[in-house]
Amino acid sequence: MASATRAYHPSFSEEDATIVLTSSDGINYRIHPFTLRTTSGFFRDMISLPQKQGDAPDTKAAGEAAGEEQIALD
């Protein structure tokens, strides 16, 4: 099975960041869990939930376009 190569926003493309957020227009952002846990109660609670092991992470498109999402992440 061939896997598609993802393109990441240049400011959010660190290989050791383990969470990928995708904007509604298809821009991917790699984010460190620490950043999300310390800046958002929503993500802190979500990250604390048990995760499946061994599977590729699910990708869900956010309801925001890349420009709006980048402003929130900066």
C-alpha atoms as a PDB file:
ATOM      1  CA  MET A   1       0.000   0.000   0.000  1.00  0.00           C
ATOM      2  CA  ALA A   2       1.518   3.344  -1.015  1.00  0.00           C
ATOM      3  CA  SER A   3       1.389   6.135   1.509  1.00  0.00           C
ATOM      4  CA  ALA A   4       0.834   9.718   0.479  1.00  0.00           C
ATOM      5  CA  THR A   5       3.502  12.213   1.416  1.00  0.00           C
ATOM      6  CA  ARG A   6       2.160  15.058   3.502  1.00  0.00           C
ATOM      7  CA  ALA A   7       3.264  18.630   3.039  1.00  0.00           C
ATOM      8  CA  TYR A   8       3.626  20.664   6.223  1.00  0.00           C
ATOM      9  CA  HIS A   9       3.551  24.385   6.900  1.00  0.00           C
ATOM     10  CA  PRO A  10       7.223  25.482   7.064  1.00  0.00           C
ATOM     11  CA  SER A  11       6.836  26.992  10.554  1.00  0.00           C
ATOM     12  CA  PHE A  12       5.163  23.831  11.897  1.00  0.00           C
ATOM     13  CA  SER A  13       7.059  20.922  10.378  1.00  0.00           C
ATOM     14  CA  GLU A  14       9.328  19.566  13.133  1.00  0.00           C
ATOM     15  CA  GLU A  15       9.657  15.785  12.776  1.00  0.00           C
ATOM     16  CA  ASP A  16       9.491  15.178  16.543  1.00  0.00           C
ATOM     17  CA  ALA A  17       6.120  16.926  16.924  1.00  0.00           C
ATOM     18  CA  THR A  18       3.619  14.089  17.268  1.00  0.00           C
ATOM     19  CA  ILE A  19       0.279  15.787  16.646  1.00  0.00           C
ATOM     20  CA  VAL A  20      -0.812  16.852  13.178  1.00  0.00           C
ATOM     21  CA  LEU A  21      -3.588  19.403  12.730  1.00  0.00           C
ATOM     22  CA  THR A  22      -4.964  19.924   9.230  1.00  0.00           C
ATOM     23  CA  SER A  23      -6.734  23.109   8.172  1.00  0.00           C
ATOM     24  CA  SER A  24      -9.902  22.967   6.088  1.00  0.00           C
ATOM     25  CA  ASP A  25      -7.848  23.843   3.000  1.00  0.00           C
ATOM     26  CA  GLY A  26      -5.406  20.957   3.503  1.00  0.00           C
ATOM     27  CA  ILE A  27      -2.408  22.621   5.199  1.00  0.00           C
ATOM     28  CA  ASN A  28      -0.798  20.314   7.808  1.00  0.00           C
ATOM     29  CA  TYR A  29       0.717  21.567  11.073  1.00  0.00           C
ATOM     30  CA  ARG A  30       2.932  19.412  13.295  1.00  0.00           C
ATOM     31  CA  ILE A  31       2.443  20.438  16.907  1.00  0.00           C
ATOM     32  CA  HIS A  32       4.091  19.236  20.125  1.00  0.00           C
ATOM     33  CA  PRO A  33       1.579  17.865  22.659  1.00  0.00           C
ATOM     34  CA  PHE A  34       3.171  20.045  25.361  1.00  0.00           C
ATOM     35  CA  THR A  35       2.248  23.179  23.410  1.00  0.00           C
ATOM     36  CA  LEU A  36      -1.373  22.121  23.061  1.00  0.00           C
ATOM     37  CA  ARG A  37      -1.680  20.902  26.676  1.00  0.00           C
ATOM     38  CA  THR A  38      -0.342  24.136  28.135  1.00  0.00           C
ATOM     39  CA  THR A  39      -2.320  26.516  25.923  1.00  0.00           C
ATOM     40  CA  SER A  40      -5.716  24.827  25.636  1.00  0.00           C
ATOM     41  CA  GLY A  41      -7.899  23.080  28.195  1.00  0.00           C
ATOM     42  CA  PHE A  42      -9.718  21.336  25.343  1.00  0.00           C
ATOM     43  CA  PHE A  43      -6.517  19.774  23.998  1.00  0.00           C
ATOM     44  CA  ARG A  44      -5.184  19.061  27.517  1.00  0.00           C
ATOM     45  CA  ASP A  45      -8.268  16.928  28.197  1.00  0.00           C
ATOM     46  CA  MET A  46      -8.237  15.298  24.763  1.00  0.00           C
ATOM     47  CA  ILE A  47      -4.521  14.406  24.925  1.00  0.00           C
ATOM     48  CA  SER A  48      -5.002  12.803  28.349  1.00  0.00           C
ATOM     49  CA  LEU A  49      -7.461  10.233  26.892  1.00  0.00           C
ATOM     50  CA  PRO A  50      -6.116   6.743  26.083  1.00  0.00           C
ATOM     51  CA  GLN A  51      -4.933   6.381  22.473  1.00  0.00           C
ATOM     52  CA  LYS A  52      -4.845   3.352  20.164  1.00  0.00           C
ATOM     53  CA  GLN A  53      -1.333   1.975  19.740  1.00  0.00           C
ATOM     54  CA  GLY A  54       0.285   1.128  16.422  1.00  0.00           C
ATOM     55  CA  ASP A  55      -2.190   2.813  14.110  1.00  0.00           C
ATOM     56  CA  ALA A  56      -1.409   5.830  11.974  1.00  0.00           C
ATOM     57  CA  PRO A  57      -2.908   8.963  13.521  1.00  0.00           C
ATOM     58  CA  ASP A  58      -6.337   9.964  12.314  1.00  0.00           C
ATOM     59  CA  THR A  59      -6.447  13.233  10.444  1.00  0.00           C
ATOM     60  CA  LYS A  60      -9.430  15.506  10.820  1.00  0.00           C
ATOM     61  CA  ALA A  61      -9.761  18.774   8.947  1.00  0.00           C
ATOM     62  CA  ALA A  62     -10.311  21.804  11.134  1.00  0.00           C
ATOM     63  CA  GLY A  63     -13.074  24.240  10.309  1.00  0.00           C
ATOM     64  CA  GLU A  64     -10.574  27.011   9.662  1.00  0.00           C
ATOM     65  CA  ALA A  65      -8.514  27.914   6.619  1.00  0.00           C
ATOM     66  CA  ALA A  66      -4.720  27.857   6.904  1.00  0.00           C
ATOM     67  CA  GLY A  67      -4.288  31.602   7.461  1.00  0.00           C
ATOM     68  CA  GLU A  68      -6.734  31.642  10.354  1.00  0.00           C
ATOM     69  CA  GLU A  69      -5.246  28.502  11.895  1.00  0.00           C
ATOM     70  CA  GLN A  70      -1.700  29.856  11.658  1.00  0.00           C
ATOM     71  CA  ILE A  71      -2.731  33.014  13.527  1.00  0.00           C
ATOM     72  CA  ALA A  72      -4.108  30.835  16.326  1.00  0.00           C
ATOM     73  CA  LEU A  73      -0.937  28.722  16.473  1.00  0.00           C
ATOM     74  CA  ASP A  74       1.592  31.589  16.381  1.00  0.00           C
END
